[in-house]
Amino acid sequence: MKRSHLVHRNASKRRYPVFRPVDIFRCTILFTTLCLAAAGSIVPAAADQSIASASSVSTATMTTGIQSLPAVPAEKACTDLLSGDYTAVQGAPTRLDSATVVQKSDTNPQDYCLVKGYVSSQVRFEVKLPISGWTQRFLMLGCGGYCGRVSTATSPASTQGCEPAASGEMVTASTDLGHTKSGTLFADGLWAVGNPGAVADFAYQGMHKTTLATKALIQAFYNKGPRFSYFAGCSDGGREGLQEVQRYPDDYDGVVVGAPVIDEVATNTFYHAWNVRVNTDPSGRAILTADKIPALHQSVLSACGTLAGGQGDMVQDPRACSLDARTLICKGADGPECLTAGQADVVNKLWSGPVDSKGMHLSAGDMPYGSELGWIGSMVPSDPTVILSPATVGDAQWSFDFPNYMSSFDAPTGITYKNLEFTKKEFDKLNELSGIYDPTNPDLSKFAARGGKLLIWTGAADPGASPYMALNYYNAVRDYMGAENADKFLTFYMVPGVYHCGAGPTPATADYLTSMMEWTETGTHPDKVVVNYQTSATDKTVAKTRPVYPYPAIAKYDGTGSRDDASNFTKSPPVQIFDDKYDWAGLKHYTPDHTRWYAPGKSQLTGGES
């Protein structure tokens, strides 16, 4: 079913399974550093103390719902790892650059061995190996944006309050996915020109290579592999996690995917480009200006905040809303509390998302109702006098290099947000590599068969990665594998009021990782997650807490106490049912047949198994 940019989709009659009580787990969604990654002093080789005595072996951290695993000490000195030969690691020939001990400090809970190196050809990584307190768990951190840097940070929106991560007892690793980005343009893609191997490493190979290299280092350092391997990533990191689950089902036992950019190509071409183009006047400046955003958002809350079980403070589900911005046009003089006719047209087009001349949507969903505060800096500059460009708005950055440099092995294409045509022909052209970029394969049978677990969450107010992408994938897996089978290994949260990766004007934190660990290690299915909503981007004080539950359940106010306190809410079935399938030009990609593989020296991508 298609919709025009002013007509809201009607709720479907799709039926959902009856909810069963499950154990409630403890939880507290682009970033802060893990405690074990905090800066410590680097110890020279002569002072290497990385071989732990038996008396220094600590007891594993106890967390309700996860297995009690004994801590394992290192079997060799940290610097001894440099003498090993890792070039024979199958699928990931590896060389090390350095191995140094970082000592325990006030900000670093454990001594660890920091290893830096690369996997052929240029996939750089860092691995942090606890010296005496490793509890046999490995956590890979996803990389956001177009990557191009090694980041040891994890998203507080996914892991805030996870004790095993904060205590430093897990091996952690991160990677740049095979290239180095510009220091001046965050969404840099120039590295991709004439470099198909690097494109493939960014698309899917680099994370797998780093996983293999890290497991080889774990085996070398402790003389045993990890008991449990986990992945946590947001945005492109979420996309990377889905690639792992679909292509390399043996890599991880539990995968936490936040705000995934599943439709990587469409998002970084049509989706972001549309937002800039529709809000640019003939002089190159913004039509919709930042001073109009607060009142616009409040109008959305007034019209839609109590729909679908919402409490009025944020939009519970954007699909319940059908506000037409033309109703907000100024009756008299222009002012910040109303819109001009031109601004109303822009707002409706932003809520719609990109369409061609026939009304076909060219990205998976639109700018969700309730996301308006996040538009400032994305396609609405804070300064109304500036020209919209990659230097002034984020959406121009994302849709500048990708269509030009990253969408084809024959780059540059000459296409950017400035001249992109919103046509089916352009869509097909720019999706040449979507088979390696976009993790849309709903067949997770191999991952499920080995006992793997997948938790996906997305913010219902996310303006950077439409929540409809995650809904489309959740729906596709359940349709392909059967809802009952899918529910055994897949769970999904759509979180009201949360912007991209928990950032934005009202940052939000939560702990999905502990829930994943409990599900993986003891079979406790995820249920309640408490989300902490901060006052603002500059004031980290928690203004309210609210529980969320596996979709489609919602949090219902019990009628007593403050609505800002999560303890005053209970789990409830949805009060409104929606169609989880958003029809658009790329919906056909959500099949196993769309997956493609890159082989060096071959001009064409291949399908099927790797």
Foldseek 3Di string as FASTA:
>chain_A
DFDFLQDFDDFDPDDDDDDDDFDAFDKDFQFDFALQPDAADWDDPVPFPLADDPVPADFADDDPQFDGFGFFAWPDTQQVVQVDQQCPLPLWGWHWDGWTWGQDDPSHQAIWIWTWIATPPGKTKIKTGGHRQARQEEEEEFAAALQQDWDNTHFLQAAVPPVCRNNNNYMYMTISLGHHADPPFRNGQQVQALPVVSLLSSQASVVVNRLSVRQVSVCNTRVDGGPFYEYEYFACRLQRQLSCLVFPLVSGQEYEHELYQQQLLLLLAQQLLQLQVLQQDPVQFGQDAPLQLVLVLLVLLVQAQPPFNHPSPFHPALSRDSDQLVVQDDPDDDDSNGHHPSNSVSVSDQQAGFAAPVSFHSDLGHQGRRQRLQCDQANHFNDRVDRDASVTHVSQSSFACCQQRNQANNHRPPDGSVDQHRDPVSSVSSCQPSLSRHSQALPSPVSVVVNHAYEYEYESNERSRHPLVVLLSVVLNCVVVPVVSCLQHYFYWYHIPAYRRQAGFWRKGMHNPVQRSSCSRPNRHHFKIKIFTAPTNVGRHGPAIAITTTPPWGWHAQPDDDPRYRVRTDIDGTPGHRDSHHGHPCSVCNHQQSHWDDDPPDNHTHHDHD
